[in-house]
Amino acid sequence: MSDKTPSASLHKQAASDHEDAAKHHRKAADNHDKNKIDDAKDCSKKAMDCCNKATKNSASACHSSAA
């Protein structure tokens, strides 16, 4: 099923990006709990990358809705 509006698509992408970031944050936390520091650092980097992407897509989505 396709999105009916560009704004809907942007919001769905932003949500997906935030969900990806959350997954990486959870993995980083799990690795910290297991004292796997190097793995935690890798997951943390991935989480940060996803967060940055999510922030940009969230801004675009909200701007699109406000227009």
Protein backbone atom coordinates (compact mmCIF):
# COMPACT_ATOMS: atom_id res chain seq x y z
CA MET A 1 0.00 0.00 0.00
CA SER A 2 1.47 3.33 -1.00
CA ASP A 3 1.39 6.49 1.08
CA LYS A 4 -1.33 8.93 0.09
CA THR A 5 0.74 12.06 0.67
CA PRO A 6 4.41 12.99 0.63
CA SER A 7 4.07 14.11 4.25
CA ALA A 8 2.87 10.66 5.28
CA SER A 9 5.86 9.08 3.59
CA LEU A 10 8.25 11.47 5.32
CA HIS A 11 6.74 10.78 8.75
CA LYS A 12 6.89 7.02 8.19
CA GLN A 13 10.54 7.25 7.17
CA ALA A 14 11.36 9.35 10.23
CA ALA A 15 9.59 6.83 12.47
CA SER A 16 11.50 3.97 10.88
CA ASP A 17 14.79 5.79 11.39
CA HIS A 18 13.97 6.39 15.07
CA GLU A 19 13.07 2.70 15.48
CA ASP A 20 16.42 1.71 13.93
CA ALA A 21 18.22 4.02 16.35
CA ALA A 22 16.34 2.48 19.28
CA LYS A 23 17.40 -1.01 18.21
CA HIS A 24 21.04 0.03 18.16
CA HIS A 25 20.71 1.76 21.55
CA ARG A 26 19.25 -1.44 23.02
CA LYS A 27 22.08 -3.51 21.54
CA ALA A 28 24.64 -1.07 22.94
CA ALA A 29 23.04 -1.34 26.39
CA ASP A 30 23.01 -5.14 26.20
CA ASN A 31 26.66 -5.16 25.21
CA HIS A 32 27.52 -2.86 28.13
CA ASP A 33 25.67 -5.24 30.47
CA LYS A 34 27.78 -8.09 29.08
CA ASN A 35 30.94 -5.99 29.40
CA LYS A 36 31.50 -6.13 25.64
CA ILE A 37 32.77 -2.58 25.40
CA ASP A 38 34.02 -2.70 21.81
CA ASP A 39 30.71 -4.08 20.59
CA ALA A 40 28.87 -1.43 22.64
CA LYS A 41 30.96 1.28 20.97
CA ASP A 42 30.10 -0.08 17.52
CA CYS A 43 26.40 -0.18 18.34
CA SER A 44 26.60 3.30 19.82
CA LYS A 45 28.14 4.63 16.60
CA LYS A 46 25.36 3.01 14.57
CA ALA A 47 22.77 4.48 16.93
CA MET A 48 24.26 7.95 16.52
CA ASP A 49 24.22 7.64 12.73
CA CYS A 50 20.57 6.58 12.82
CA CYS A 51 19.72 9.39 15.23
CA ASN A 52 21.29 11.96 12.94
CA LYS A 53 19.37 10.60 9.96
CA ALA A 54 16.16 10.46 12.00
CA THR A 55 16.58 14.05 13.15
CA LYS A 56 16.93 15.28 9.57
CA ASN A 57 13.97 13.24 8.37
CA SER A 58 11.85 14.34 11.33
CA ALA A 59 12.55 17.96 10.53
CA SER A 60 11.62 17.42 6.88
CA ALA A 61 8.43 15.60 7.86
CA CYS A 62 7.33 18.26 10.32
CA HIS A 63 8.18 21.05 7.89
CA SER A 64 6.15 19.30 5.21
CA SER A 65 3.14 18.99 7.52
CA ALA A 66 3.38 22.62 8.55
CA ALA A 67 3.41 23.85 4.94
